Amino acid sequence: MVRILGVSDIHNGRLRVRIINDVISEYSPDVVVIAGDLTTFGPSENAKRIIDEIDLDNILVIPGNTDPVDVLKFIELSKGVNIHCKEVHIKGLKFVGFGGSPITPFGCPFEFSEESISEKLSRLNVDESTIFVTHAPPKGILDLTATGVHAGSESIRKYVEERRPFLHIFGHIHEAIGLEKREETTFVNVSMGRYLKVALIDINEEKEVEINFVEGRK
């Protein structure tokens, strides 16, 4: 079995890093996956600090929409591994990442048009054996905001329906944490933004997935 600790939307929060480390200490995950928004419009160097303060060596990271574009440089300088538009294999599992989000009303630095997202996704090697990590949810899946808007990406939704990864990890919509199974894919929103919880994702040799949300000390 491989245990993943999934988080998103740390937003420079030292309390959130402490919670992550509490959960690492108690539950001993093999890999930490950070699905974007390490910062809030920067400073970009905080991304390196946050990653390096996490008490685990296997850390996979993508940027979120509120991370400046140059955050990628600081992820590369950290002990984490940047998987934005990349494929990485750890513990016998294939991870493919895509950071940023569709265009929002807030003018965030790491946003793309749906057309650009679709074009960039077409270059990635996602299939049924993949853990797909994005910042934005697929449209209509764990993406409902407090104002009643489905704020996920139409392009990501179409892509996962075509490629059918067995697990899709994302964040972005703070209030929409949870999990959902649709056909062959398990979807999980791992945002810490509102509820300060993290996801423990256990995967066995048959790629069966079990997910629990846990809290650390506050």
N, C-alpha and C. Protein backbone atom coordinates (compact mmCIF):
# COMPACT_ATOMS: atom_id res chain seq x y z
N MET A 1 0.84 -1.21 0.00
CA MET A 1 0.00 0.00 0.00
C MET A 1 0.87 1.25 0.00
N VAL A 2 0.42 2.26 -0.73
CA VAL A 2 1.07 3.57 -0.72
C VAL A 2 0.09 4.57 -0.12
N ARG A 3 0.61 5.39 0.79
CA ARG A 3 -0.22 6.42 1.44
C ARG A 3 0.23 7.80 0.97
N ILE A 4 -0.73 8.55 0.42
CA ILE A 4 -0.50 9.92 -0.03
C ILE A 4 -1.19 10.88 0.92
N LEU A 5 -0.49 11.93 1.30
CA LEU A 5 -1.12 13.05 2.01
C LEU A 5 -1.37 14.14 0.98
N GLY A 6 -2.64 14.42 0.71
CA GLY A 6 -3.01 15.40 -0.30
C GLY A 6 -3.46 16.70 0.33
N VAL A 7 -2.90 17.81 -0.14
CA VAL A 7 -3.27 19.14 0.36
C VAL A 7 -3.28 20.14 -0.79
N SER A 8 -3.98 21.23 -0.57
CA SER A 8 -3.98 22.34 -1.51
C SER A 8 -4.31 23.60 -0.74
N ASP A 9 -4.00 24.75 -1.33
CA ASP A 9 -4.42 26.05 -0.78
C ASP A 9 -3.82 26.31 0.60
N ILE A 10 -2.51 26.20 0.69
CA ILE A 10 -1.79 26.53 1.93
C ILE A 10 -1.75 28.04 2.14
N HIS A 11 -1.63 28.80 1.06
CA HIS A 11 -1.73 30.27 1.10
C HIS A 11 -0.86 30.91 2.18
N ASN A 12 0.42 30.53 2.17
CA ASN A 12 1.41 31.12 3.10
C ASN A 12 1.15 30.79 4.57
N GLY A 13 0.24 29.88 4.86
CA GLY A 13 -0.20 29.68 6.24
C GLY A 13 0.74 28.80 7.05
N ARG A 14 1.36 29.35 8.06
CA ARG A 14 2.24 28.56 8.93
C ARG A 14 1.44 27.53 9.72
N LEU A 15 0.21 27.89 10.12
CA LEU A 15 -0.64 26.92 10.81
C LEU A 15 -0.91 25.73 9.91
N ARG A 16 -1.14 25.95 8.65
CA ARG A 16 -1.42 24.86 7.73
C ARG A 16 -0.21 23.94 7.58
N VAL A 17 0.98 24.52 7.54
CA VAL A 17 2.19 23.68 7.48
C VAL A 17 2.32 22.86 8.75
N ARG A 18 2.02 23.46 9.88
CA ARG A 18 2.09 22.72 11.15
C ARG A 18 1.10 21.55 11.17
N ILE A 19 -0.11 21.79 10.65
CA ILE A 19 -1.09 20.72 10.58
C ILE A 19 -0.59 19.59 9.68
N ILE A 20 -0.01 19.95 8.54
CA ILE A 20 0.55 18.93 7.64
C ILE A 20 1.59 18.09 8.38
N ASN A 21 2.48 18.74 9.12
CA ASN A 21 3.52 18.01 9.82
C ASN A 21 2.96 17.17 10.96
N ASP A 22 1.93 17.65 11.62
CA ASP A 22 1.27 16.84 12.65
C ASP A 22 0.72 15.54 12.04
N VAL A 23 0.09 15.67 10.89
CA VAL A 23 -0.50 14.50 10.24
C VAL A 23 0.58 13.55 9.74
N ILE A 24 1.67 14.11 9.21
CA ILE A 24 2.80 13.26 8.81
C ILE A 24 3.32 12.46 9.99
N SER A 25 3.48 13.13 11.14
CA SER A 25 3.99 12.47 12.33
C SER A 25 3.08 11.33 12.79
N GLU A 26 1.78 11.54 12.69
CA GLU A 26 0.84 10.56 13.20
C GLU A 26 0.55 9.43 12.21
N TYR A 27 0.51 9.74 10.90
CA TYR A 27 0.01 8.77 9.93
C TYR A 27 1.06 8.25 8.94
N SER A 28 2.25 8.81 8.94
CA SER A 28 3.39 8.31 8.15
C SER A 28 3.08 8.09 6.67
N PRO A 29 2.69 9.14 5.95
CA PRO A 29 2.48 8.97 4.51
C PRO A 29 3.80 8.74 3.78
N ASP A 30 3.70 8.17 2.58
CA ASP A 30 4.87 7.96 1.74
C ASP A 30 5.18 9.18 0.87
N VAL A 31 4.15 9.90 0.49
CA VAL A 31 4.27 11.01 -0.45
C VAL A 31 3.33 12.14 0.00
N VAL A 32 3.79 13.38 -0.11
CA VAL A 32 2.91 14.54 0.02
C VAL A 32 2.67 15.12 -1.37
N VAL A 33 1.41 15.38 -1.69
CA VAL A 33 1.05 16.04 -2.94
C VAL A 33 0.44 17.38 -2.61
N ILE A 34 1.03 18.46 -3.12
CA ILE A 34 0.52 19.81 -2.91
C ILE A 34 -0.09 20.28 -4.23
N ALA A 35 -1.41 20.43 -4.24
CA ALA A 35 -2.13 20.74 -5.48
C ALA A 35 -2.34 22.25 -5.66
N GLY A 36 -1.30 23.03 -5.40
CA GLY A 36 -1.32 24.43 -5.76
C GLY A 36 -1.71 25.40 -4.66
N ASP A 37 -1.49 26.69 -4.97
CA ASP A 37 -1.73 27.81 -4.06
C ASP A 37 -0.93 27.67 -2.77
N LEU A 38 0.38 27.55 -2.94
CA LEU A 38 1.26 27.65 -1.79
C LEU A 38 1.25 29.07 -1.23
N THR A 39 1.11 30.07 -2.11
CA THR A 39 1.15 31.47 -1.71
C THR A 39 -0.15 32.17 -2.08
N THR A 40 -0.22 33.43 -1.71
CA THR A 40 -1.34 34.28 -2.12
C THR A 40 -0.75 35.50 -2.83
N PHE A 41 -0.63 35.40 -4.14
CA PHE A 41 0.02 36.43 -4.95
C PHE A 41 1.47 36.64 -4.49
N GLY A 42 2.10 35.59 -4.02
CA GLY A 42 3.48 35.64 -3.58
C GLY A 42 3.58 35.83 -2.07
N PRO A 43 4.77 36.18 -1.58
CA PRO A 43 6.02 36.20 -2.35
C PRO A 43 6.44 34.80 -2.78
N SER A 44 6.97 34.71 -3.97
CA SER A 44 7.26 33.41 -4.57
C SER A 44 8.24 32.58 -3.74
N GLU A 45 9.19 33.26 -3.08
CA GLU A 45 10.18 32.52 -2.30
C GLU A 45 9.54 31.79 -1.11
N ASN A 46 8.34 32.20 -0.72
CA ASN A 46 7.65 31.47 0.36
C ASN A 46 7.34 30.03 -0.03
N ALA A 47 7.19 29.78 -1.32
CA ALA A 47 6.91 28.42 -1.76
C ALA A 47 8.04 27.48 -1.35
N LYS A 48 9.28 27.92 -1.54
CA LYS A 48 10.42 27.10 -1.13
C LYS A 48 10.41 26.90 0.39
N ARG A 49 10.17 27.94 1.14
CA ARG A 49 10.14 27.81 2.60
C ARG A 49 9.09 26.81 3.04
N ILE A 50 7.89 26.92 2.48
CA ILE A 50 6.80 26.03 2.86
C ILE A 50 7.16 24.58 2.56
N ILE A 51 7.64 24.32 1.35
CA ILE A 51 7.97 22.95 0.96
C ILE A 51 9.08 22.39 1.84
N ASP A 52 10.11 23.20 2.08
CA ASP A 52 11.26 22.71 2.85
C ASP A 52 10.94 22.51 4.33
N GLU A 53 9.86 23.14 4.82
CA GLU A 53 9.46 22.96 6.22
C GLU A 53 8.62 21.69 6.42
N ILE A 54 8.19 21.06 5.35
CA ILE A 54 7.39 19.84 5.47
C ILE A 54 8.30 18.66 5.77
N ASP A 55 7.90 17.86 6.76
CA ASP A 55 8.77 16.82 7.30
C ASP A 55 8.68 15.51 6.51
N LEU A 56 8.91 15.60 5.21
CA LEU A 56 8.94 14.41 4.36
C LEU A 56 9.80 14.74 3.15
N ASP A 57 10.42 13.73 2.58
CA ASP A 57 11.29 13.95 1.42
C ASP A 57 10.54 13.87 0.09
N ASN A 58 9.55 12.98 -0.01
CA ASN A 58 8.82 12.84 -1.26
C ASN A 58 7.66 13.84 -1.30
N ILE A 59 7.88 14.96 -1.96
CA ILE A 59 6.87 16.02 -2.04
C ILE A 59 6.70 16.42 -3.50
N LEU A 60 5.50 16.24 -4.02
CA LEU A 60 5.18 16.60 -5.41
C LEU A 60 4.32 17.86 -5.38
N VAL A 61 4.63 18.81 -6.28
CA VAL A 61 4.04 20.14 -6.18
C VAL A 61 3.63 20.66 -7.55
N ILE A 62 2.46 21.30 -7.60
CA ILE A 62 2.09 22.13 -8.74
C ILE A 62 1.72 23.52 -8.23
N PRO A 63 1.78 24.54 -9.07
CA PRO A 63 1.34 25.87 -8.66
C PRO A 63 -0.18 26.01 -8.77
N GLY A 64 -0.73 26.96 -8.02
CA GLY A 64 -2.13 27.31 -8.15
C GLY A 64 -2.31 28.66 -8.80
N ASN A 65 -3.54 29.07 -8.96
CA ASN A 65 -3.80 30.33 -9.67
C ASN A 65 -3.30 31.56 -8.93
N THR A 66 -3.19 31.49 -7.58
CA THR A 66 -2.69 32.67 -6.85
C THR A 66 -1.18 32.65 -6.66
N ASP A 67 -0.51 31.68 -7.23
CA ASP A 67 0.96 31.66 -7.20
C ASP A 67 1.51 32.41 -8.40
N PRO A 68 2.46 33.33 -8.19
CA PRO A 68 3.08 33.98 -9.34
C PRO A 68 3.77 32.96 -10.25
N VAL A 69 3.93 33.31 -11.51
CA VAL A 69 4.51 32.38 -12.47
C VAL A 69 5.92 31.97 -12.06
N ASP A 70 6.68 32.90 -11.45
CA ASP A 70 8.06 32.54 -11.08
C ASP A 70 8.12 31.66 -9.85
N VAL A 71 6.97 31.27 -9.29
CA VAL A 71 6.98 30.31 -8.18
C VAL A 71 7.59 28.98 -8.64
N LEU A 72 7.49 28.69 -9.93
CA LEU A 72 8.07 27.45 -10.46
C LEU A 72 9.57 27.37 -10.17
N LYS A 73 10.24 28.50 -10.26
CA LYS A 73 11.68 28.53 -9.98
C LYS A 73 11.95 28.14 -8.53
N PHE A 74 11.13 28.63 -7.62
CA PHE A 74 11.37 28.35 -6.20
C PHE A 74 10.94 26.94 -5.82
N ILE A 75 9.96 26.38 -6.53
CA ILE A 75 9.66 24.96 -6.33
C ILE A 75 10.87 24.13 -6.75
N GLU A 76 11.48 24.47 -7.89
CA GLU A 76 12.66 23.74 -8.36
C GLU A 76 13.83 23.85 -7.38
N LEU A 77 13.92 24.97 -6.68
CA LEU A 77 15.02 25.17 -5.72
C LEU A 77 14.76 24.47 -4.39
N SER A 78 13.54 24.03 -4.17
CA SER A 78 13.18 23.39 -2.91
C SER A 78 13.49 21.89 -2.97
N LYS A 79 13.19 21.20 -1.87
CA LYS A 79 13.38 19.74 -1.87
C LYS A 79 12.22 19.02 -2.55
N GLY A 80 11.19 19.76 -2.93
CA GLY A 80 10.05 19.17 -3.62
C GLY A 80 10.32 18.97 -5.10
N VAL A 81 9.38 18.31 -5.76
CA VAL A 81 9.48 18.04 -7.20
C VAL A 81 8.33 18.74 -7.91
N ASN A 82 8.67 19.59 -8.85
CA ASN A 82 7.66 20.28 -9.65
C ASN A 82 7.09 19.30 -10.68
N ILE A 83 5.77 19.06 -10.63
CA ILE A 83 5.16 18.15 -11.61
C ILE A 83 4.20 18.90 -12.55
N HIS A 84 4.30 20.23 -12.60
CA HIS A 84 3.46 20.99 -13.54
C HIS A 84 3.84 20.63 -14.97
N CYS A 85 2.89 20.05 -15.69
CA CYS A 85 3.10 19.61 -17.08
C CYS A 85 4.21 18.56 -17.18
N LYS A 86 4.33 17.74 -16.13
CA LYS A 86 5.36 16.71 -16.10
C LYS A 86 4.79 15.39 -15.58
N GLU A 87 5.53 14.33 -15.84
CA GLU A 87 5.20 12.99 -15.35
C GLU A 87 6.30 12.52 -14.42
N VAL A 88 5.90 12.02 -13.24
CA VAL A 88 6.86 11.54 -12.24
C VAL A 88 6.37 10.20 -11.71
N HIS A 89 7.30 9.29 -11.45
CA HIS A 89 6.96 7.98 -10.89
C HIS A 89 7.57 7.87 -9.49
N ILE A 90 6.73 7.57 -8.51
CA ILE A 90 7.17 7.37 -7.12
C ILE A 90 6.42 6.18 -6.55
N LYS A 91 7.14 5.30 -5.86
CA LYS A 91 6.53 4.15 -5.20
C LYS A 91 5.67 3.32 -6.17
N GLY A 92 6.10 3.24 -7.42
CA GLY A 92 5.38 2.46 -8.40
C GLY A 92 4.13 3.11 -8.94
N LEU A 93 3.91 4.38 -8.61
CA LEU A 93 2.72 5.11 -9.09
C LEU A 93 3.13 6.23 -10.03
N LYS A 94 2.30 6.45 -11.03
CA LYS A 94 2.55 7.50 -12.02
C LYS A 94 1.72 8.73 -11.69
N PHE A 95 2.39 9.87 -11.52
CA PHE A 95 1.74 11.15 -11.25
C PHE A 95 1.96 12.08 -12.44
N VAL A 96 0.90 12.76 -12.84
CA VAL A 96 1.00 13.79 -13.87
C VAL A 96 0.29 15.04 -13.34
N GLY A 97 0.93 16.21 -13.50
CA GLY A 97 0.40 17.42 -12.91
C GLY A 97 0.09 18.52 -13.91
N PHE A 98 -0.86 19.36 -13.52
CA PHE A 98 -1.15 20.58 -14.29
C PHE A 98 -1.65 21.66 -13.32
N GLY A 99 -0.88 22.74 -13.21
CA GLY A 99 -1.19 23.81 -12.26
C GLY A 99 -2.00 24.93 -12.86
N GLY A 100 -2.29 25.93 -12.01
CA GLY A 100 -3.08 27.08 -12.43
C GLY A 100 -4.55 26.77 -12.49
N SER A 101 -5.31 27.70 -13.07
CA SER A 101 -6.77 27.53 -13.13
C SER A 101 -7.31 28.25 -14.35
N PRO A 102 -8.60 28.02 -14.65
CA PRO A 102 -9.24 28.88 -15.64
C PRO A 102 -9.27 30.32 -15.14
N ILE A 103 -9.57 31.23 -16.03
CA ILE A 103 -9.60 32.65 -15.68
C ILE A 103 -10.70 32.91 -14.66
N THR A 104 -10.34 33.63 -13.59
CA THR A 104 -11.26 33.97 -12.51
C THR A 104 -11.57 35.46 -12.55
N PRO A 105 -12.54 35.92 -11.74
CA PRO A 105 -12.81 37.37 -11.67
C PRO A 105 -11.74 38.14 -10.91
N PHE A 106 -10.73 37.45 -10.36
CA PHE A 106 -9.82 38.09 -9.41
C PHE A 106 -8.48 38.47 -10.03
N GLY A 107 -8.29 38.20 -11.30
CA GLY A 107 -7.06 38.60 -11.97
C GLY A 107 -5.81 37.96 -11.39
N CYS A 108 -5.88 36.67 -11.13
CA CYS A 108 -4.76 35.96 -10.51
C CYS A 108 -3.64 35.72 -11.52
N PRO A 109 -2.40 35.51 -11.03
CA PRO A 109 -1.26 35.47 -11.96
C PRO A 109 -1.11 34.18 -12.75
N PHE A 110 -1.67 33.05 -12.27
CA PHE A 110 -1.42 31.77 -12.94
C PHE A 110 -2.74 31.21 -13.45
N GLU A 111 -3.31 31.90 -14.44
CA GLU A 111 -4.60 31.53 -15.01
C GLU A 111 -4.47 31.36 -16.52
N PHE A 112 -5.35 30.53 -17.08
CA PHE A 112 -5.33 30.25 -18.51
C PHE A 112 -6.76 30.28 -19.04
N SER A 113 -6.89 30.60 -20.31
CA SER A 113 -8.18 30.41 -20.97
C SER A 113 -8.46 28.92 -21.08
N GLU A 114 -9.74 28.57 -21.24
CA GLU A 114 -10.08 27.15 -21.41
C GLU A 114 -9.41 26.58 -22.66
N GLU A 115 -9.28 27.39 -23.70
CA GLU A 115 -8.63 26.92 -24.92
C GLU A 115 -7.17 26.58 -24.66
N SER A 116 -6.50 27.43 -23.86
CA SER A 116 -5.10 27.18 -23.54
C SER A 116 -4.96 25.95 -22.66
N ILE A 117 -5.86 25.78 -21.69
CA ILE A 117 -5.82 24.59 -20.85
C ILE A 117 -5.96 23.33 -21.70
N SER A 118 -6.91 23.34 -22.61
CA SER A 118 -7.14 22.18 -23.47
C SER A 118 -5.90 21.84 -24.28
N GLU A 119 -5.27 22.87 -24.83
CA GLU A 119 -4.08 22.65 -25.66
C GLU A 119 -2.94 22.09 -24.82
N LYS A 120 -2.75 22.63 -23.61
CA LYS A 120 -1.66 22.16 -22.75
C LYS A 120 -1.92 20.73 -22.26
N LEU A 121 -3.16 20.43 -21.93
CA LEU A 121 -3.48 19.08 -21.47
C LEU A 121 -3.25 18.04 -22.56
N SER A 122 -3.44 18.43 -23.80
CA SER A 122 -3.30 17.46 -24.90
C SER A 122 -1.87 16.93 -25.01
N ARG A 123 -0.91 17.61 -24.41
CA ARG A 123 0.49 17.18 -24.47
C ARG A 123 0.84 16.20 -23.34
N LEU A 124 -0.06 16.01 -22.39
CA LEU A 124 0.25 15.20 -21.22
C LEU A 124 -0.11 13.74 -21.45
N ASN A 125 0.57 12.87 -20.72
CA ASN A 125 0.40 11.43 -20.87
C ASN A 125 -0.41 10.88 -19.70
N VAL A 126 -1.71 11.16 -19.70
CA VAL A 126 -2.60 10.68 -18.65
C VAL A 126 -3.41 9.50 -19.18
N ASP A 127 -3.46 8.42 -18.39
CA ASP A 127 -4.25 7.24 -18.76
C ASP A 127 -4.83 6.62 -17.50
N GLU A 128 -5.36 5.41 -17.63
CA GLU A 128 -6.05 4.76 -16.51
C GLU A 128 -5.13 4.42 -15.34
N SER A 129 -3.83 4.43 -15.56
CA SER A 129 -2.89 4.11 -14.49
C SER A 129 -2.36 5.36 -13.78
N THR A 130 -2.90 6.53 -14.11
CA THR A 130 -2.35 7.81 -13.68
C THR A 130 -3.06 8.35 -12.44
N ILE A 131 -2.26 8.98 -11.55
CA ILE A 131 -2.80 9.91 -10.56
C ILE A 131 -2.62 11.30 -11.15
N PHE A 132 -3.73 11.91 -11.49
CA PHE A 132 -3.73 13.22 -12.14
C PHE A 132 -3.90 14.29 -11.06
N VAL A 133 -2.98 15.26 -11.05
CA VAL A 133 -2.99 16.31 -10.03
C VAL A 133 -3.17 17.65 -10.73
N THR A 134 -4.27 18.33 -10.44
CA THR A 134 -4.50 19.67 -10.97
C THR A 134 -4.84 20.60 -9.81
N HIS A 135 -4.73 21.89 -10.05
CA HIS A 135 -5.21 22.82 -9.02
C HIS A 135 -6.72 22.98 -9.15
N ALA A 136 -7.18 23.21 -10.35
CA ALA A 136 -8.61 23.42 -10.57
C ALA A 136 -9.36 22.10 -10.65
N PRO A 137 -10.59 22.06 -10.14
CA PRO A 137 -11.43 20.87 -10.31
C PRO A 137 -11.96 20.79 -11.73
N PRO A 138 -12.44 19.62 -12.11
CA PRO A 138 -13.23 19.54 -13.34
C PRO A 138 -14.59 20.20 -13.11
N LYS A 139 -15.10 20.82 -14.13
CA LYS A 139 -16.40 21.50 -14.03
C LYS A 139 -17.48 20.54 -13.52
N GLY A 140 -18.17 20.95 -12.45
CA GLY A 140 -19.29 20.18 -11.96
C GLY A 140 -18.96 19.09 -10.96
N ILE A 141 -17.67 18.96 -10.61
CA ILE A 141 -17.27 17.92 -9.66
C ILE A 141 -16.50 18.58 -8.52
N LEU A 142 -17.10 18.61 -7.34
CA LEU A 142 -16.47 19.17 -6.15
C LEU A 142 -15.92 20.57 -6.42
N ASP A 143 -16.74 21.38 -7.10
CA ASP A 143 -16.29 22.73 -7.50
C ASP A 143 -17.31 23.81 -7.17
N LEU A 144 -18.29 23.50 -6.29
CA LEU A 144 -19.36 24.45 -6.01
C LEU A 144 -18.90 25.47 -4.97
N THR A 145 -18.94 26.75 -5.34
CA THR A 145 -18.53 27.81 -4.43
C THR A 145 -19.67 28.17 -3.47
N ALA A 146 -19.33 28.98 -2.48
CA ALA A 146 -20.32 29.42 -1.50
C ALA A 146 -21.42 30.26 -2.14
N THR A 147 -21.14 30.82 -3.30
CA THR A 147 -22.14 31.63 -4.00
C THR A 147 -22.96 30.82 -5.00
N GLY A 148 -22.75 29.50 -5.01
CA GLY A 148 -23.55 28.63 -5.86
C GLY A 148 -23.06 28.50 -7.29
N VAL A 149 -21.80 28.85 -7.53
CA VAL A 149 -21.23 28.78 -8.87
C VAL A 149 -20.35 27.54 -8.99
N HIS A 150 -20.50 26.79 -10.08
CA HIS A 150 -19.57 25.70 -10.38
C HIS A 150 -18.36 26.31 -11.09
N ALA A 151 -17.24 26.39 -10.36
CA ALA A 151 -16.09 27.16 -10.83
C ALA A 151 -14.95 26.29 -11.36
N GLY A 152 -15.25 25.04 -11.66
CA GLY A 152 -14.23 24.17 -12.23
C GLY A 152 -13.98 24.43 -13.71
N SER A 153 -13.07 23.65 -14.26
CA SER A 153 -12.66 23.83 -15.66
C SER A 153 -13.39 22.86 -16.58
N GLU A 154 -14.01 23.40 -17.61
CA GLU A 154 -14.65 22.57 -18.62
C GLU A 154 -13.63 21.72 -19.37
N SER A 155 -12.46 22.29 -19.62
CA SER A 155 -11.43 21.55 -20.37
C SER A 155 -10.89 20.39 -19.56
N ILE A 156 -10.69 20.60 -18.26
CA ILE A 156 -10.22 19.51 -17.41
C ILE A 156 -11.29 18.43 -17.31
N ARG A 157 -12.56 18.82 -17.22
CA ARG A 157 -13.64 17.82 -17.15
C ARG A 157 -13.65 16.95 -18.41
N LYS A 158 -13.56 17.59 -19.56
CA LYS A 158 -13.56 16.83 -20.81
C LYS A 158 -12.34 15.90 -20.88
N TYR A 159 -11.20 16.40 -20.43
CA TYR A 159 -9.96 15.62 -20.50
C TYR A 159 -10.03 14.38 -19.62
N VAL A 160 -10.50 14.53 -18.37
CA VAL A 160 -10.54 13.36 -17.48
C VAL A 160 -11.60 12.36 -17.94
N GLU A 161 -12.66 12.84 -18.56
CA GLU A 161 -13.65 11.89 -19.09
C GLU A 161 -13.07 11.08 -20.24
N GLU A 162 -12.17 11.68 -21.01
CA GLU A 162 -11.53 10.96 -22.11
C GLU A 162 -10.41 10.05 -21.63
N ARG A 163 -9.59 10.53 -20.70
CA ARG A 163 -8.37 9.80 -20.30
C ARG A 163 -8.61 8.85 -19.12
N ARG A 164 -9.60 9.11 -18.29
CA ARG A 164 -10.02 8.24 -17.18
C ARG A 164 -8.89 7.86 -16.21
N PRO A 165 -8.17 8.84 -15.64
CA PRO A 165 -7.21 8.50 -14.58
C PRO A 165 -7.94 7.83 -13.42
N PHE A 166 -7.26 6.91 -12.73
CA PHE A 166 -7.97 6.22 -11.65
C PHE A 166 -8.14 7.11 -10.42
N LEU A 167 -7.31 8.18 -10.32
CA LEU A 167 -7.42 9.13 -9.21
C LEU A 167 -7.12 10.53 -9.71
N HIS A 168 -7.97 11.48 -9.32
CA HIS A 168 -7.77 12.88 -9.69
C HIS A 168 -7.79 13.71 -8.41
N ILE A 169 -6.64 14.34 -8.10
CA ILE A 169 -6.47 15.17 -6.90
C ILE A 169 -6.46 16.63 -7.32
N PHE A 170 -7.20 17.48 -6.61
CA PHE A 170 -7.24 18.91 -6.92
C PHE A 170 -7.64 19.70 -5.68
N GLY A 171 -7.76 21.02 -5.82
CA GLY A 171 -8.16 21.90 -4.72
C GLY A 171 -8.94 23.08 -5.25
N HIS A 172 -8.42 24.31 -4.99
CA HIS A 172 -8.91 25.56 -5.58
C HIS A 172 -10.20 26.07 -4.94
N ILE A 173 -11.22 25.25 -4.87
CA ILE A 173 -12.49 25.68 -4.28
C ILE A 173 -12.48 25.26 -2.81
N HIS A 174 -12.20 26.22 -1.94
CA HIS A 174 -11.92 25.92 -0.54
C HIS A 174 -13.08 25.21 0.15
N GLU A 175 -14.29 25.58 -0.18
CA GLU A 175 -15.46 25.07 0.53
C GLU A 175 -15.97 23.75 -0.02
N ALA A 176 -15.31 23.21 -1.05
CA ALA A 176 -15.84 22.02 -1.74
C ALA A 176 -15.01 20.77 -1.49
N ILE A 177 -14.32 20.70 -0.35
CA ILE A 177 -13.53 19.49 -0.08
C ILE A 177 -14.45 18.27 -0.02
N GLY A 178 -13.89 17.15 -0.37
CA GLY A 178 -14.68 15.92 -0.36
C GLY A 178 -14.19 14.98 -1.42
N LEU A 179 -14.92 13.88 -1.58
CA LEU A 179 -14.55 12.90 -2.59
C LEU A 179 -15.80 12.42 -3.32
N GLU A 180 -15.56 11.97 -4.53
CA GLU A 180 -16.66 11.50 -5.38
C GLU A 180 -16.11 10.47 -6.34
N LYS A 181 -16.84 9.41 -6.55
CA LYS A 181 -16.42 8.37 -7.51
C LYS A 181 -17.36 8.41 -8.71
N ARG A 182 -16.77 8.52 -9.89
CA ARG A 182 -17.54 8.49 -11.13
C ARG A 182 -16.87 7.51 -12.08
N GLU A 183 -17.58 6.45 -12.38
CA GLU A 183 -17.05 5.39 -13.23
C GLU A 183 -15.68 4.94 -12.70
N GLU A 184 -14.64 5.00 -13.50
CA GLU A 184 -13.35 4.46 -13.05
C GLU A 184 -12.52 5.45 -12.23
N THR A 185 -12.96 6.69 -12.11
CA THR A 185 -12.13 7.73 -11.50
C THR A 185 -12.66 8.12 -10.12
N THR A 186 -11.72 8.19 -9.16
CA THR A 186 -12.02 8.78 -7.85
C THR A 186 -11.52 10.21 -7.85
N PHE A 187 -12.42 11.15 -7.56
CA PHE A 187 -12.09 12.57 -7.51
C PHE A 187 -12.00 13.00 -6.04
N VAL A 188 -10.98 13.81 -5.72
CA VAL A 188 -10.87 14.30 -4.34
C VAL A 188 -10.37 15.75 -4.34
N ASN A 189 -11.17 16.60 -3.69
CA ASN A 189 -10.78 17.99 -3.47
C ASN A 189 -10.09 18.04 -2.12
N VAL A 190 -8.81 18.42 -2.10
CA VAL A 190 -7.99 18.36 -0.89
C VAL A 190 -7.67 19.75 -0.33
N SER A 191 -8.51 20.73 -0.62
CA SER A 191 -8.22 22.10 -0.18
C SER A 191 -8.23 22.21 1.35
N MET A 192 -7.20 22.88 1.88
CA MET A 192 -7.16 23.22 3.30
C MET A 192 -7.75 24.61 3.55
N GLY A 193 -8.19 25.28 2.49
CA GLY A 193 -8.50 26.69 2.57
C GLY A 193 -9.51 27.08 3.62
N ARG A 194 -10.55 26.27 3.81
CA ARG A 194 -11.59 26.62 4.77
C ARG A 194 -11.56 25.74 6.01
N TYR A 195 -11.42 24.43 5.84
CA TYR A 195 -11.65 23.51 6.96
C TYR A 195 -10.38 22.98 7.62
N LEU A 196 -9.21 23.35 7.10
CA LEU A 196 -7.94 22.97 7.71
C LEU A 196 -7.79 21.46 7.89
N LYS A 197 -8.34 20.72 6.94
CA LYS A 197 -8.19 19.27 6.93
C LYS A 197 -7.28 18.87 5.77
N VAL A 198 -6.67 17.70 5.90
CA VAL A 198 -5.88 17.13 4.81
C VAL A 198 -6.45 15.76 4.47
N ALA A 199 -6.15 15.29 3.27
CA ALA A 199 -6.65 14.00 2.82
C ALA A 199 -5.56 12.94 2.92
N LEU A 200 -5.88 11.83 3.56
CA LEU A 200 -5.03 10.64 3.54
C LEU A 200 -5.60 9.69 2.50
N ILE A 201 -4.79 9.40 1.49
CA ILE A 201 -5.23 8.61 0.35
C ILE A 201 -4.42 7.32 0.32
N ASP A 202 -5.06 6.20 0.58
CA ASP A 202 -4.39 4.91 0.58
C ASP A 202 -4.70 4.17 -0.71
N ILE A 203 -3.66 3.67 -1.35
CA ILE A 203 -3.79 2.98 -2.64
C ILE A 203 -3.13 1.62 -2.53
N ASN A 204 -3.89 0.56 -2.82
CA ASN A 204 -3.31 -0.78 -2.75
C ASN A 204 -2.76 -1.20 -4.11
N GLU A 205 -2.28 -2.42 -4.19
CA GLU A 205 -1.63 -2.88 -5.42
C GLU A 205 -2.59 -2.95 -6.60
N GLU A 206 -3.87 -3.13 -6.32
CA GLU A 206 -4.88 -3.17 -7.39
C GLU A 206 -5.37 -1.76 -7.76
N LYS A 207 -4.73 -0.74 -7.18
CA LYS A 207 -5.09 0.66 -7.39
C LYS A 207 -6.51 0.97 -6.89
N GLU A 208 -6.92 0.24 -5.86
CA GLU A 208 -8.14 0.59 -5.14
C GLU A 208 -7.80 1.72 -4.17
N VAL A 209 -8.71 2.69 -4.06
CA VAL A 209 -8.43 3.93 -3.33
C VAL A 209 -9.35 4.04 -2.13
N GLU A 210 -8.74 4.37 -0.98
CA GLU A 210 -9.51 4.70 0.23
C GLU A 210 -9.05 6.06 0.73
N ILE A 211 -9.99 6.96 1.02
CA ILE A 211 -9.66 8.34 1.38
C ILE A 211 -10.34 8.71 2.69
N ASN A 212 -9.54 9.32 3.58
CA ASN A 212 -10.07 9.87 4.83
C ASN A 212 -9.52 11.28 5.03
N PHE A 213 -10.38 12.17 5.50
CA PHE A 213 -9.96 13.53 5.83
C PHE A 213 -9.67 13.60 7.32
N VAL A 214 -8.49 14.17 7.68
CA VAL A 214 -8.07 14.23 9.06
C VAL A 214 -7.61 15.63 9.40
N GLU A 215 -7.57 15.90 10.71
CA GLU A 215 -7.13 17.20 11.21
C GLU A 215 -5.87 17.04 12.04
N GLY A 216 -5.05 18.08 12.04
CA GLY A 216 -3.93 18.15 12.97
C GLY A 216 -4.29 19.09 14.11
N ARG A 217 -3.30 19.38 14.96
CA ARG A 217 -3.53 20.34 16.04
C ARG A 217 -3.73 21.74 15.46
N LYS A 218 -4.63 22.50 16.03
CA LYS A 218 -4.86 23.87 15.57
C LYS A 218 -4.30 24.85 16.58
